C-alpha atoms as a PDB file:
ATOM      1  CA  MET A   1       0.000   0.000   0.000  1.00  0.00           C
ATOM      2  CA  ILE A   2       1.325   3.302  -0.967  1.00  0.00           C
ATOM      3  CA  ILE A   3       0.545   6.188   1.280  1.00  0.00           C
ATOM      4  CA  LEU A   4       0.858   9.602  -0.210  1.00  0.00           C
ATOM      5  CA  LEU A   5       1.494  12.327   2.280  1.00  0.00           C
ATOM      6  CA  PHE A   6       0.612  15.775   1.205  1.00  0.00           C
ATOM      7  CA  GLY A   7       2.257  18.457   3.249  1.00  0.00           C
ATOM      8  CA  MET A   8       0.597  21.789   3.543  1.00  0.00           C
ATOM      9  CA  VAL A   9       3.013  24.614   2.958  1.00  0.00           C
ATOM     10  CA  LYS A  10       2.060  27.852   4.617  1.00  0.00           C
ATOM     11  CA  ALA A  11       3.130  30.735   2.506  1.00  0.00           C
ATOM     12  CA  ASP A  12       4.110  33.893   4.329  1.00  0.00           C
ATOM     13  CA  VAL A  13       2.145  36.731   2.931  1.00  0.00           C
ATOM     14  CA  VAL A  14       4.265  39.873   2.708  1.00  0.00           C
ATOM     15  CA  PHE A  15       2.403  43.130   2.517  1.00  0.00           C
ATOM     16  CA  ALA A  16       4.209  46.133   1.061  1.00  0.00           C
ATOM     17  CA  GLN A  17       4.705  48.780   3.683  1.00  0.00           C
ATOM     18  CA  ARG A  18       3.387  52.191   2.933  1.00  0.00           C
ATOM     19  CA  PRO A  19       6.202  54.682   2.488  1.00  0.00           C
ATOM     20  CA  VAL A  20       6.623  57.091   5.334  1.00  0.00           C
ATOM     21  CA  LYS A  21       5.399  60.465   4.231  1.00  0.00           C
ATOM     22  CA  PRO A  22       8.219  62.987   4.600  1.00  0.00           C
ATOM     23  CA  VAL A  23       7.621  66.011   6.742  1.00  0.00           C
ATOM     24  CA  SER A  24       6.708  68.950   4.572  1.00  0.00           C
ATOM     25  CA  PRO A  25       9.257  71.770   4.832  1.00  0.00           C
ATOM     26  CA  LEU A  26       6.409  74.281   4.844  1.00  0.00           C
ATOM     27  CA  VAL A  27       2.868  74.017   6.197  1.00  0.00           C
ATOM     28  CA  VAL A  28       0.164  76.665   5.842  1.00  0.00           C
ATOM     29  CA  ASN A  29      -2.737  76.360   8.255  1.00  0.00           C
ATOM     30  CA  LYS A  30      -5.381  79.068   8.590  1.00  0.00           C
ATOM     31  CA  GLY A  31      -3.047  81.686   7.204  1.00  0.00           C
ATOM     32  CA  VAL A  32      -0.161  80.747   9.495  1.00  0.00           C
ATOM     33  CA  ILE A  33       3.072  79.486   7.914  1.00  0.00           C
ATOM     34  CA  THR A  34       5.103  76.889   9.793  1.00  0.00           C
ATOM     35  CA  TYR A  35       8.622  76.071   8.601  1.00  0.00           C
ATOM     36  CA  ASN A  36       9.853  72.573   9.446  1.00  0.00           C
ATOM     37  CA  ALA A  37      13.586  71.925   9.622  1.00  0.00           C
ATOM     38  CA  ASP A  38      15.416  68.947   8.138  1.00  0.00           C
ATOM     39  CA  SER A  39      17.778  66.682  10.071  1.00  0.00           C
ATOM     40  CA  LEU A  40      20.530  69.329   9.991  1.00  0.00           C
ATOM     41  CA  GLY A  41      18.241  72.144  11.062  1.00  0.00           C
ATOM     42  CA  ASN A  42      17.957  73.747   7.614  1.00  0.00           C
ATOM     43  CA  ARG A  43      14.698  75.522   6.802  1.00  0.00           C
ATOM     44  CA  ILE A  44      13.320  77.143   3.681  1.00  0.00           C
ATOM     45  CA  PRO A  45      14.848  80.640   3.596  1.00  0.00           C
ATOM     46  CA  ASP A  46      12.556  83.338   4.947  1.00  0.00           C
ATOM     47  CA  PHE A  47      12.644  86.288   2.560  1.00  0.00           C
ATOM     48  CA  SER A  48       9.999  88.305   4.394  1.00  0.00           C
ATOM     49  CA  TYR A  49      12.803  90.536   5.690  1.00  0.00           C
ATOM     50  CA  CYS A  50      13.465  91.907   2.197  1.00  0.00           C
ATOM     51  CA  GLY A  51      12.460  95.366   1.042  1.00  0.00           C
ATOM     52  CA  TYR A  52      12.158  98.794   2.591  1.00  0.00           C
ATOM     53  CA  MET A  53      12.625  98.653   6.389  1.00  0.00           C
ATOM     54  CA  ALA A  54      12.615  94.837   6.226  1.00  0.00           C
ATOM     55  CA  SER A  55       8.947  95.048   5.143  1.00  0.00           C
ATOM     56  CA  GLU A  56       7.998  96.027   8.695  1.00  0.00           C
ATOM     57  CA  GLU A  57       6.952  99.566   7.735  1.00  0.00           C
ATOM     58  CA  ALA A  58       4.905 100.893   4.841  1.00  0.00           C
ATOM     59  CA  ILE A  59       6.559 103.157   2.291  1.00  0.00           C
ATOM     60  CA  PRO A  60       5.701 106.653   3.547  1.00  0.00           C
ATOM     61  CA  THR A  61       4.303 109.674   1.744  1.00  0.00           C
ATOM     62  CA  VAL A  62       7.103 112.174   2.302  1.00  0.00           C
ATOM     63  CA  PRO A  63       6.089 115.880   2.436  1.00  0.00           C
ATOM     64  CA  VAL A  64       6.922 117.989  -0.630  1.00  0.00           C
ATOM     65  CA  LYS A  65       9.653 120.575  -0.047  1.00  0.00           C
ATOM     66  CA  ALA A  66      10.349 121.676  -3.646  1.00  0.00           C
ATOM     67  CA  VAL A  67       8.315 121.816  -6.869  1.00  0.00           C
ATOM     68  CA  VAL A  68       9.887 121.895 -10.340  1.00  0.00           C
ATOM     69  CA  PRO A  69       7.580 123.298 -13.042  1.00  0.00           C
ATOM     70  CA  VAL A  70       7.739 121.976 -16.588  1.00  0.00           C
ATOM     71  CA  VAL A  71      10.407 123.845 -18.557  1.00  0.00           C
ATOM     72  CA  LYS A  72      11.258 124.064 -22.231  1.00  0.00           C
ATOM     73  CA  GLY A  73      14.473 122.387 -23.279  1.00  0.00           C
ATOM     74  CA  ASP A  74      16.840 120.572 -20.940  1.00  0.00           C
ATOM     75  CA  ALA A  75      15.503 120.341 -17.374  1.00  0.00           C
ATOM     76  CA  THR A  76      18.539 118.589 -15.880  1.00  0.00           C
ATOM     77  CA  ARG A  77      19.814 121.616 -13.962  1.00  0.00           C
ATOM     78  CA  GLN A  78      16.427 122.637 -12.566  1.00  0.00           C
ATOM     79  CA  ILE A  79      15.625 119.151 -11.261  1.00  0.00           C
ATOM     80  CA  GLN A  80      19.134 118.597  -9.909  1.00  0.00           C
ATOM     81  CA  ASP A  81      19.095 121.972  -8.144  1.00  0.00           C
ATOM     82  CA  ALA A  82      15.831 121.000  -6.451  1.00  0.00           C
ATOM     83  CA  LEU A  83      17.273 117.644  -5.376  1.00  0.00           C
ATOM     84  CA  ASN A  84      20.363 119.399  -4.013  1.00  0.00           C
ATOM     85  CA  TYR A  85      18.224 121.914  -2.133  1.00  0.00           C
ATOM     86  CA  VAL A  86      16.170 119.226  -0.416  1.00  0.00           C
ATOM     87  CA  ALA A  87      19.376 117.300   0.330  1.00  0.00           C
ATOM     88  CA  SER A  88      20.612 120.366   2.241  1.00  0.00           C
ATOM     89  CA  LEU A  89      17.603 120.385   4.589  1.00  0.00           C
ATOM     90  CA  PRO A  90      17.779 118.746   8.030  1.00  0.00           C
ATOM     91  CA  VAL A  91      16.230 115.316   8.481  1.00  0.00           C
ATOM     92  CA  ASP A  92      13.006 115.083  10.466  1.00  0.00           C
ATOM     93  CA  LYS A  93      12.325 112.672  13.323  1.00  0.00           C
ATOM     94  CA  ASN A  94      11.587 109.916  10.791  1.00  0.00           C
ATOM     95  CA  GLY A  95      14.821 110.398   8.855  1.00  0.00           C
ATOM     96  CA  PHE A  96      13.381 112.291   5.868  1.00  0.00           C
ATOM     97  CA  ARG A  97      14.297 115.677   4.385  1.00  0.00           C
ATOM     98  CA  GLY A  98      11.487 115.969   1.843  1.00  0.00           C
ATOM     99  CA  ALA A  99      10.257 115.256  -1.664  1.00  0.00           C
ATOM    100  CA  VAL A 100      10.903 117.017  -4.970  1.00  0.00           C
ATOM    101  CA  LEU A 101       7.660 117.147  -6.953  1.00  0.00           C
ATOM    102  CA  LEU A 102       7.589 117.178 -10.756  1.00  0.00           C
ATOM    103  CA  GLN A 103       4.355 118.509 -12.201  1.00  0.00           C
ATOM    104  CA  LYS A 104       2.211 116.990 -14.914  1.00  0.00           C
ATOM    105  CA  GLY A 105       3.894 117.222 -18.284  1.00  0.00           C
ATOM    106  CA  THR A 106       7.096 116.203 -20.060  1.00  0.00           C
ATOM    107  CA  TYR A 107      10.619 116.976 -18.844  1.00  0.00           C
ATOM    108  CA  SER A 108      13.659 116.424 -21.059  1.00  0.00           C
ATOM    109  CA  VAL A 109      16.878 115.442 -19.272  1.00  0.00           C
ATOM    110  CA  SER A 110      20.078 115.539 -21.322  1.00  0.00           C
ATOM    111  CA  GLY A 111      22.312 114.804 -18.352  1.00  0.00           C
ATOM    112  CA  GLN A 112      22.019 112.588 -15.294  1.00  0.00           C
ATOM    113  CA  LEU A 113      20.032 113.095 -12.089  1.00  0.00           C
ATOM    114  CA  MET A 114      21.930 112.182  -8.928  1.00  0.00           C
ATOM    115  CA  MET A 115      20.391 111.480  -5.525  1.00  0.00           C
ATOM    116  CA  MET A 116      23.241 111.341  -3.020  1.00  0.00           C
ATOM    117  CA  ALA A 117      21.645 112.163   0.340  1.00  0.00           C
ATOM    118  CA  SER A 118      19.462 110.277   2.783  1.00  0.00           C
ATOM    119  CA  GLY A 119      15.804 111.163   3.143  1.00  0.00           C
ATOM    120  CA  VAL A 120      15.212 112.608  -0.356  1.00  0.00           C
ATOM    121  CA  VAL A 121      12.393 111.483  -2.668  1.00  0.00           C
ATOM    122  CA  LEU A 122      11.786 112.291  -6.353  1.00  0.00           C
ATOM    123  CA  ARG A 123       8.057 112.194  -7.103  1.00  0.00           C
ATOM    124  CA  GLY A 124       6.045 112.711 -10.266  1.00  0.00           C
ATOM    125  CA  SER A 125       2.388 113.684 -10.618  1.00  0.00           C
ATOM    126  CA  GLY A 126       1.122 110.496 -12.210  1.00  0.00           C
ATOM    127  CA  VAL A 127       2.353 107.468 -14.079  1.00  0.00           C
ATOM    128  CA  GLY A 128      -0.406 107.256 -16.672  1.00  0.00           C
ATOM    129  CA  LYS A 129      -1.771 109.493 -19.390  1.00  0.00           C
ATOM    130  CA  GLY A 130      -1.627 113.115 -18.327  1.00  0.00           C
ATOM    131  CA  GLY A 131       0.988 112.393 -15.676  1.00  0.00           C
ATOM    132  CA  THR A 132       4.720 113.121 -15.479  1.00  0.00           C
ATOM    133  CA  VAL A 133       7.106 111.958 -18.209  1.00  0.00           C
ATOM    134  CA  LEU A 134      10.869 112.198 -17.722  1.00  0.00           C
ATOM    135  CA  ILE A 135      12.730 111.645 -20.994  1.00  0.00           C
ATOM    136  CA  GLY A 136      16.389 110.658 -21.103  1.00  0.00           C
ATOM    137  CA  ALA A 137      17.507 112.671 -24.129  1.00  0.00           C
ATOM    138  CA  GLY A 138      20.549 112.306 -26.339  1.00  0.00           C
ATOM    139  CA  LYS A 139      22.720 109.437 -27.523  1.00  0.00           C
ATOM    140  CA  ASP A 140      24.605 108.883 -24.275  1.00  0.00           C
ATOM    141  CA  ARG A 141      24.312 105.517 -22.518  1.00  0.00           C
ATOM    142  CA  GLN A 142      24.578 107.032 -19.042  1.00  0.00           C
ATOM    143  CA  THR A 143      22.044 106.106 -16.369  1.00  0.00           C
ATOM    144  CA  LEU A 144      19.107 108.511 -16.144  1.00  0.00           C
ATOM    145  CA  ILE A 145      18.732 108.493 -12.316  1.00  0.00           C
ATOM    146  CA  ARG A 146      21.482 107.351  -9.945  1.00  0.00           C
ATOM    147  CA  ILE A 147      20.739 106.817  -6.256  1.00  0.00           C
ATOM    148  CA  PHE A 148      24.059 106.324  -4.504  1.00  0.00           C
ATOM    149  CA  GLY A 149      26.021 106.926  -1.340  1.00  0.00           C
ATOM    150  CA  LYS A 150      29.732 106.628  -0.657  1.00  0.00           C
ATOM    151  CA  ALA A 151      31.648 103.386  -1.134  1.00  0.00           C
ATOM    152  CA  ASP A 152      33.376 103.700   2.245  1.00  0.00           C
ATOM    153  CA  LYS A 153      32.486 100.338   3.779  1.00  0.00           C
ATOM    154  CA  THR A 154      35.060  98.934   6.211  1.00  0.00           C
ATOM    155  CA  SER A 155      35.084  95.864   8.423  1.00  0.00           C
ATOM    156  CA  GLY A 156      37.025  94.907  11.514  1.00  0.00           C
ATOM    157  CA  ALA A 157      39.089  91.841  12.271  1.00  0.00           C
ATOM    158  CA  GLU A 158      37.362  88.563  11.461  1.00  0.00           C
ATOM    159  CA  ILE A 159      36.741  86.033  14.230  1.00  0.00           C
ATOM    160  CA  LYS A 160      35.926  82.417  13.520  1.00  0.00           C
ATOM    161  CA  VAL A 161      32.476  80.913  13.969  1.00  0.00           C
ATOM    162  CA  THR A 162      32.913  77.938  16.308  1.00  0.00           C
ATOM    163  CA  ASP A 163      29.758  75.987  15.427  1.00  0.00           C
ATOM    164  CA  ALA A 164      30.471  72.908  13.324  1.00  0.00           C
ATOM    165  CA  TYR A 165      27.319  73.629  11.332  1.00  0.00           C
ATOM    166  CA  VAL A 166      25.067  76.700  11.219  1.00  0.00           C
ATOM    167  CA  PRO A 167      21.947  75.783   9.217  1.00  0.00           C
ATOM    168  CA  VAL A 168      19.944  77.740   6.687  1.00  0.00           C
ATOM    169  CA  GLY A 169      17.420  79.832   8.594  1.00  0.00           C
ATOM    170  CA  ALA A 170      19.608  80.230  11.686  1.00  0.00           C
ATOM    171  CA  ILE A 171      19.580  83.498  13.625  1.00  0.00           C
ATOM    172  CA  THR A 172      22.318  82.557  16.088  1.00  0.00           C
ATOM    173  CA  LEU A 173      25.941  81.495  15.901  1.00  0.00           C
ATOM    174  CA  SER A 174      28.759  81.044  18.382  1.00  0.00           C
ATOM    175  CA  VAL A 175      32.280  82.434  18.659  1.00  0.00           C
ATOM    176  CA  ASN A 176      35.104  81.904  21.133  1.00  0.00           C
ATOM    177  CA  ASP A 177      34.950  85.430  22.506  1.00  0.00           C
ATOM    178  CA  ALA A 178      32.030  87.811  21.898  1.00  0.00           C
ATOM    179  CA  SER A 179      33.260  90.493  24.300  1.00  0.00           C
ATOM    180  CA  GLY A 180      34.116  92.842  21.427  1.00  0.00           C
ATOM    181  CA  PHE A 181      30.508  92.947  20.208  1.00  0.00           C
ATOM    182  CA  LYS A 182      27.285  94.398  21.582  1.00  0.00           C
ATOM    183  CA  ALA A 183      23.597  94.525  20.702  1.00  0.00           C
ATOM    184  CA  GLY A 184      22.966  96.931  17.837  1.00  0.00           C
ATOM    185  CA  ASP A 185      26.327  96.386  16.145  1.00  0.00           C
ATOM    186  CA  PRO A 186      26.152  95.937  12.357  1.00  0.00           C
ATOM    187  CA  ILE A 187      28.147  92.864  11.378  1.00  0.00           C
ATOM    188  CA  ILE A 188      29.278  91.011   8.282  1.00  0.00           C
ATOM    189  CA  ILE A 189      29.198  87.200   8.191  1.00  0.00           C
ATOM    190  CA  HIS A 190      31.621  85.713   5.665  1.00  0.00           C
ATOM    191  CA  ARG A 191      31.234  82.284   4.081  1.00  0.00           C
ATOM    192  CA  PRO A 192      34.312  81.326   2.020  1.00  0.00           C
ATOM    193  CA  SER A 193      34.180  79.529  -1.320  1.00  0.00           C
ATOM    194  CA  THR A 194      36.662  76.708  -0.768  1.00  0.00           C
ATOM    195  CA  LEU A 195      37.968  74.215  -3.310  1.00  0.00           C
ATOM    196  CA  ALA A 196      36.155  71.376  -1.510  1.00  0.00           C
ATOM    197  CA  TRP A 197      32.825  73.197  -1.824  1.00  0.00           C
ATOM    198  CA  ILE A 198      33.421  74.062  -5.480  1.00  0.00           C
ATOM    199  CA  LYS A 199      34.276  70.436  -6.296  1.00  0.00           C
ATOM    200  CA  LEU A 200      31.175  69.224  -4.447  1.00  0.00           C
ATOM    201  CA  LEU A 201      29.035  71.443  -6.678  1.00  0.00           C
ATOM    202  CA  GLY A 202      30.919  70.318  -9.771  1.00  0.00           C
ATOM    203  CA  THR A 203      31.568  73.898 -10.820  1.00  0.00           C
ATOM    204  CA  ASP A 204      35.346  73.569 -11.028  1.00  0.00           C
ATOM    205  CA  HIS A 205      34.963  72.480 -14.651  1.00  0.00           C
ATOM    206  CA  PHE A 206      32.180  73.235 -17.108  1.00  0.00           C
ATOM    207  CA  GLY A 207      33.153  70.641 -19.709  1.00  0.00           C
ATOM    208  CA  GLY A 208      34.033  71.031 -23.338  1.00  0.00           C
ATOM    209  CA  GLY A 209      37.736  70.885 -22.567  1.00  0.00           C
ATOM    210  CA  VAL A 210      37.676  74.439 -21.216  1.00  0.00           C
ATOM    211  CA  THR A 211      38.782  74.768 -17.590  1.00  0.00           C
ATOM    212  CA  ALA A 212      39.294  78.526 -17.409  1.00  0.00           C
ATOM    213  CA  LEU A 213      35.565  79.071 -16.843  1.00  0.00           C
ATOM    214  CA  GLY A 214      35.491  76.947 -13.702  1.00  0.00           C
ATOM    215  CA  TRP A 215      35.032  78.582 -10.320  1.00  0.00           C
ATOM    216  CA  LYS A 216      38.175  79.323  -8.340  1.00  0.00           C
ATOM    217  CA  PRO A 217      38.522  79.385  -4.535  1.00  0.00           C
ATOM    218  CA  GLY A 218      37.770  82.852  -3.199  1.00  0.00           C
ATOM    219  CA  GLU A 219      35.796  83.953  -6.254  1.00  0.00           C
ATOM    220  CA  ARG A 220      32.357  82.964  -4.929  1.00  0.00           C
ATOM    221  CA  ASP A 221      32.556  84.037  -1.290  1.00  0.00           C
ATOM    222  CA  LEU A 222      29.253  85.004   0.318  1.00  0.00           C
ATOM    223  CA  TYR A 223      28.741  87.929   2.700  1.00  0.00           C
ATOM    224  CA  PHE A 224      25.688  88.484   4.884  1.00  0.00           C
ATOM    225  CA  GLU A 225      24.979  91.868   6.466  1.00  0.00           C
ATOM    226  CA  ARG A 226      23.228  91.556   9.794  1.00  0.00           C
ATOM    227  CA  LYS A 227      22.639  93.470  13.036  1.00  0.00           C
ATOM    228  CA  ILE A 228      23.206  91.974  16.474  1.00  0.00           C
ATOM    229  CA  VAL A 229      20.005  91.658  18.515  1.00  0.00           C
ATOM    230  CA  SER A 230      21.460  90.150  21.684  1.00  0.00           C
ATOM    231  CA  ILE A 231      24.438  88.237  23.062  1.00  0.00           C
ATOM    232  CA  ASP A 232      24.250  85.341  25.528  1.00  0.00           C
ATOM    233  CA  ASN A 233      27.759  84.421  26.679  1.00  0.00           C
ATOM    234  CA  ASN A 234      29.437  83.755  23.321  1.00  0.00           C
ATOM    235  CA  THR A 235      26.269  83.079  21.333  1.00  0.00           C
ATOM    236  CA  ILE A 236      25.293  85.967  19.071  1.00  0.00           C
ATOM    237  CA  ARG A 237      21.700  86.446  17.924  1.00  0.00           C
ATOM    238  CA  PHE A 238      21.150  88.569  14.812  1.00  0.00           C
ATOM    239  CA  ASP A 239      18.152  90.088  13.070  1.00  0.00           C
ATOM    240  CA  VAL A 240      17.741  88.200   9.773  1.00  0.00           C
ATOM    241  CA  PRO A 241      18.071  84.427   9.148  1.00  0.00           C
ATOM    242  CA  LEU A 242      20.958  83.093   7.093  1.00  0.00           C
ATOM    243  CA  THR A 243      20.157  81.907   3.581  1.00  0.00           C
ATOM    244  CA  THR A 244      23.198  79.613   3.235  1.00  0.00           C
ATOM    245  CA  ALA A 245      24.604  77.177   5.788  1.00  0.00           C
ATOM    246  CA  LEU A 246      28.034  77.602   7.378  1.00  0.00           C
ATOM    247  CA  ASP A 247      29.695  74.183   7.385  1.00  0.00           C
ATOM    248  CA  THR A 248      33.210  73.579   8.732  1.00  0.00           C
ATOM    249  CA  THR A 249      33.591  70.817   6.140  1.00  0.00           C
ATOM    250  CA  TYR A 250      33.578  73.543   3.510  1.00  0.00           C
ATOM    251  CA  GLY A 251      35.348  76.348   5.319  1.00  0.00           C
ATOM    252  CA  GLY A 252      32.885  77.363   8.039  1.00  0.00           C
ATOM    253  CA  GLY A 253      32.485  81.093   8.497  1.00  0.00           C
ATOM    254  CA  THR A 254      33.756  84.238  10.164  1.00  0.00           C
ATOM    255  CA  LEU A 255      32.224  87.313  11.763  1.00  0.00           C
ATOM    256  CA  ALA A 256      33.357  90.950  11.818  1.00  0.00           C
ATOM    257  CA  LYS A 257      32.040  94.387  12.731  1.00  0.00           C
ATOM    258  CA  LEU A 258      30.818  96.503   9.829  1.00  0.00           C
ATOM    259  CA  SER A 259      31.050 100.271   9.341  1.00  0.00           C
ATOM    260  CA  TRP A 260      29.477 102.146   6.413  1.00  0.00           C
ATOM    261  CA  PRO A 261      29.105 105.841   7.326  1.00  0.00           C
ATOM    262  CA  GLY A 262      28.597 107.048   3.758  1.00  0.00           C
ATOM    263  CA  ARG A 263      25.771 104.712   2.850  1.00  0.00           C
ATOM    264  CA  ILE A 264      22.538 106.659   2.375  1.00  0.00           C
ATOM    265  CA  GLU A 265      19.045 105.534   3.345  1.00  0.00           C
ATOM    266  CA  LYS A 266      15.338 106.303   3.133  1.00  0.00           C
ATOM    267  CA  THR A 267      15.212 107.562  -0.437  1.00  0.00           C
ATOM    268  CA  GLY A 268      13.062 106.744  -3.434  1.00  0.00           C
ATOM    269  CA  VAL A 269      11.584 107.523  -6.852  1.00  0.00           C
ATOM    270  CA  GLU A 270       7.843 107.314  -7.430  1.00  0.00           C
ATOM    271  CA  ASN A 271       4.786 108.064  -9.550  1.00  0.00           C
ATOM    272  CA  LEU A 272       6.104 108.904 -13.031  1.00  0.00           C
ATOM    273  CA  LEU A 273       7.113 107.525 -16.432  1.00  0.00           C
ATOM    274  CA  LEU A 274      10.787 107.283 -17.397  1.00  0.00           C
ATOM    275  CA  GLN A 275      11.498 107.042 -21.098  1.00  0.00           C
ATOM    276  CA  SER A 276      14.627 106.882 -23.248  1.00  0.00           C
ATOM    277  CA  GLU A 277      14.978 108.614 -26.580  1.00  0.00           C
ATOM    278  CA  TYR A 278      16.276 106.415 -29.401  1.00  0.00           C
ATOM    279  CA  ASP A 279      16.643 106.313 -33.167  1.00  0.00           C
ATOM    280  CA  VAL A 280      13.128 105.354 -34.263  1.00  0.00           C
ATOM    281  CA  THR A 281      14.480 104.160 -37.618  1.00  0.00           C
ATOM    282  CA  ASN A 282      16.640 101.542 -35.874  1.00  0.00           C
ATOM    283  CA  PRO A 283      14.766  98.983 -33.714  1.00  0.00           C
ATOM    284  CA  LYS A 284      18.147  97.721 -32.409  1.00  0.00           C
ATOM    285  CA  ASP A 285      19.552 101.139 -31.566  1.00  0.00           C
ATOM    286  CA  GLU A 286      21.934 101.119 -28.601  1.00  0.00           C
ATOM    287  CA  ALA A 287      23.171 104.706 -28.700  1.00  0.00           C
ATOM    288  CA  HIS A 288      20.756 105.812 -25.999  1.00  0.00           C
ATOM    289  CA  ARG A 289      20.039 105.379 -22.286  1.00  0.00           C
ATOM    290  CA  TRP A 290      21.025 101.987 -20.902  1.00  0.00           C
ATOM    291  CA  MET A 291      19.716 102.103 -17.327  1.00  0.00           C
ATOM    292  CA  ALA A 292      16.780 104.083 -15.988  1.00  0.00           C
ATOM    293  CA  ILE A 293      17.491 103.859 -12.222  1.00  0.00           C
ATOM    294  CA  THR A 294      20.471 102.356 -10.405  1.00  0.00           C
ATOM    295  CA  LEU A 295      20.895 101.996  -6.647  1.00  0.00           C
ATOM    296  CA  GLU A 296      24.240 101.547  -4.900  1.00  0.00           C
ATOM    297  CA  ASN A 297      25.609 102.161  -1.411  1.00  0.00           C
ATOM    298  CA  VAL A 298      22.040 102.654  -0.204  1.00  0.00           C
ATOM    299  CA  ALA A 299      19.673 100.982   2.258  1.00  0.00           C
ATOM    300  CA  ASP A 300      15.909 101.171   2.790  1.00  0.00           C
ATOM    301  CA  ALA A 301      15.056 102.648  -0.592  1.00  0.00           C
ATOM    302  CA  TRP A 302      12.218 102.213  -3.059  1.00  0.00           C
ATOM    303  CA  VAL A 303      11.033 102.609  -6.642  1.00  0.00           C
ATOM    304  CA  LYS A 304       7.246 102.731  -6.628  1.00  0.00           C
ATOM    305  CA  GLN A 305       4.620 103.234  -9.333  1.00  0.00           C
ATOM    306  CA  VAL A 306       7.181 103.988 -12.024  1.00  0.00           C
ATOM    307  CA  ASN A 307       6.841 102.844 -15.631  1.00  0.00           C
ATOM    308  CA  PHE A 308       9.727 102.556 -18.085  1.00  0.00           C
ATOM    309  CA  LYS A 309       9.989 102.626 -21.880  1.00  0.00           C
ATOM    310  CA  HIS A 310      12.756 101.925 -24.402  1.00  0.00           C
ATOM    311  CA  PHE A 311      15.754 101.390 -22.090  1.00  0.00           C
ATOM    312  CA  ALA A 312      18.364  98.992 -23.483  1.00  0.00           C
ATOM    313  CA  GLY A 313      19.583  97.537 -20.193  1.00  0.00           C
ATOM    314  CA  SER A 314      17.649  97.698 -16.930  1.00  0.00           C
ATOM    315  CA  ALA A 315      14.633  99.621 -15.748  1.00  0.00           C
ATOM    316  CA  VAL A 316      15.903  99.227 -12.176  1.00  0.00           C
ATOM    317  CA  ALA A 317      19.325  97.841 -11.267  1.00  0.00           C
ATOM    318  CA  VAL A 318      19.837  97.118  -7.564  1.00  0.00           C
ATOM    319  CA  LEU A 319      23.589  96.702  -7.247  1.00  0.00           C
ATOM    320  CA  GLU A 320      25.479  94.567  -4.738  1.00  0.00           C
ATOM    321  CA  SER A 321      26.046  97.434  -2.300  1.00  0.00           C
ATOM    322  CA  ALA A 322      22.300  98.132  -1.946  1.00  0.00           C
ATOM    323  CA  LYS A 323      20.233  96.653   0.869  1.00  0.00           C
ATOM    324  CA  ARG A 324      16.506  96.359   1.631  1.00  0.00           C
ATOM    325  CA  VAL A 325      15.091  97.875  -1.560  1.00  0.00           C
ATOM    326  CA  THR A 326      11.446  97.661  -2.644  1.00  0.00           C
ATOM    327  CA  VAL A 327      10.464  97.844  -6.329  1.00  0.00           C
ATOM    328  CA  GLU A 328       6.671  97.979  -6.406  1.00  0.00           C
ATOM    329  CA  ASP A 329       3.934  98.458  -9.010  1.00  0.00           C
ATOM    330  CA  CYS A 330       6.376  99.086 -11.873  1.00  0.00           C
ATOM    331  CA  LYS A 331       6.238  98.135 -15.557  1.00  0.00           C
ATOM    332  CA  SER A 332       8.957  98.107 -18.214  1.00  0.00           C
ATOM    333  CA  MET A 333       7.810  98.214 -21.828  1.00  0.00           C
ATOM    334  CA  ALA A 334       9.203  98.226 -25.350  1.00  0.00           C
ATOM    335  CA  PRO A 335      12.961  97.941 -24.694  1.00  0.00           C
ATOM    336  CA  VAL A 336      15.170  98.987 -27.608  1.00  0.00           C
ATOM    337  CA  SER A 337      18.471  97.156 -28.111  1.00  0.00           C
ATOM    338  CA  GLU A 338      20.092  94.276 -29.873  1.00  0.00           C
ATOM    339  CA  ILE A 339      19.076  90.834 -28.631  1.00  0.00           C
ATOM    340  CA  GLY A 340      22.095  89.563 -26.725  1.00  0.00           C
ATOM    341  CA  GLY A 341      23.875  89.232 -23.419  1.00  0.00           C
ATOM    342  CA  GLN A 342      24.035  92.079 -20.878  1.00  0.00           C
ATOM    343  CA  ARG A 343      20.863  93.600 -22.316  1.00  0.00           C
ATOM    344  CA  ARG A 344      17.247  93.803 -21.187  1.00  0.00           C
ATOM    345  CA  TYR A 345      17.994  92.771 -17.595  1.00  0.00           C
ATOM    346  CA  THR A 346      14.799  94.589 -16.783  1.00  0.00           C
ATOM    347  CA  PHE A 347      14.658  94.360 -12.981  1.00  0.00           C
ATOM    348  CA  PHE A 348      18.202  93.416 -12.046  1.00  0.00           C
ATOM    349  CA  THR A 349      19.840  92.551  -8.730  1.00  0.00           C
ATOM    350  CA  ALA A 350      23.595  92.016  -8.465  1.00  0.00           C
END
């Protein structure tokens, strides 16, 4: 007799596990934004500190102290004289000297308007039809309106940040000895561009057999202007979060006091149309105004309700030495230039 034994094999049933949902770096609940950090403490950068007065104050309506009527011919001298007059006035309790008002109509400017003092505003009487038009005349490429202070920035001796890692979004860092600093001090935080960091990014070589274009150590250093809020032992708290981590693996960071006595502040241009003349027979003409407004060595400034026409380069160029600038309710139309590099950078930040 043959007995057949049938064994029952129990198969293990394996159920696929549901993937763990990663924590969202940003959560919005009932109008409240919550930023969640990653394992290193990095958060999405908070750019709400940008703009005039770190976006904590509205752009003010500064009282008019000088009015320039529409004149025939070149109005450069009349407008500049008015700007210089207001610049000579004392600042009020809010840090303003006053506004120069241009009336409704068209002003021709063959030269360049320069705003070199804190607390001065250039204001038109309307940006639309029937408002104020300021025309950059001639074939010169010079900027129509320059807002600029003195390039006299200096910094003290650098001291090393002792934290092994300071994450994106941090508002504190540590040093060996903070006794030389106090609350209210402006500071500069320096993040070096080391060879190790450049190689990690793969930007030491851009391919094609050409190595000269690759980044070099020291060419891509980052600098962060901040103000000290408080000091606890050797931990320094500052006003605005960092937007790049400081990692000792890639050079860490340093801290130094900052002095910039010639930088101007609380100045702006508003409520008018800026327009460049050009050769209407040449749609690629470049023998005319390149920039409408540039800002350098300035803080807490604005360009508001200004329209632009026919400029070859930028309507507004906020250069590297400018800080906390608001450009609001502006339009740039019908640029005139060749189509190529270094042109039509309409709203440009360095």
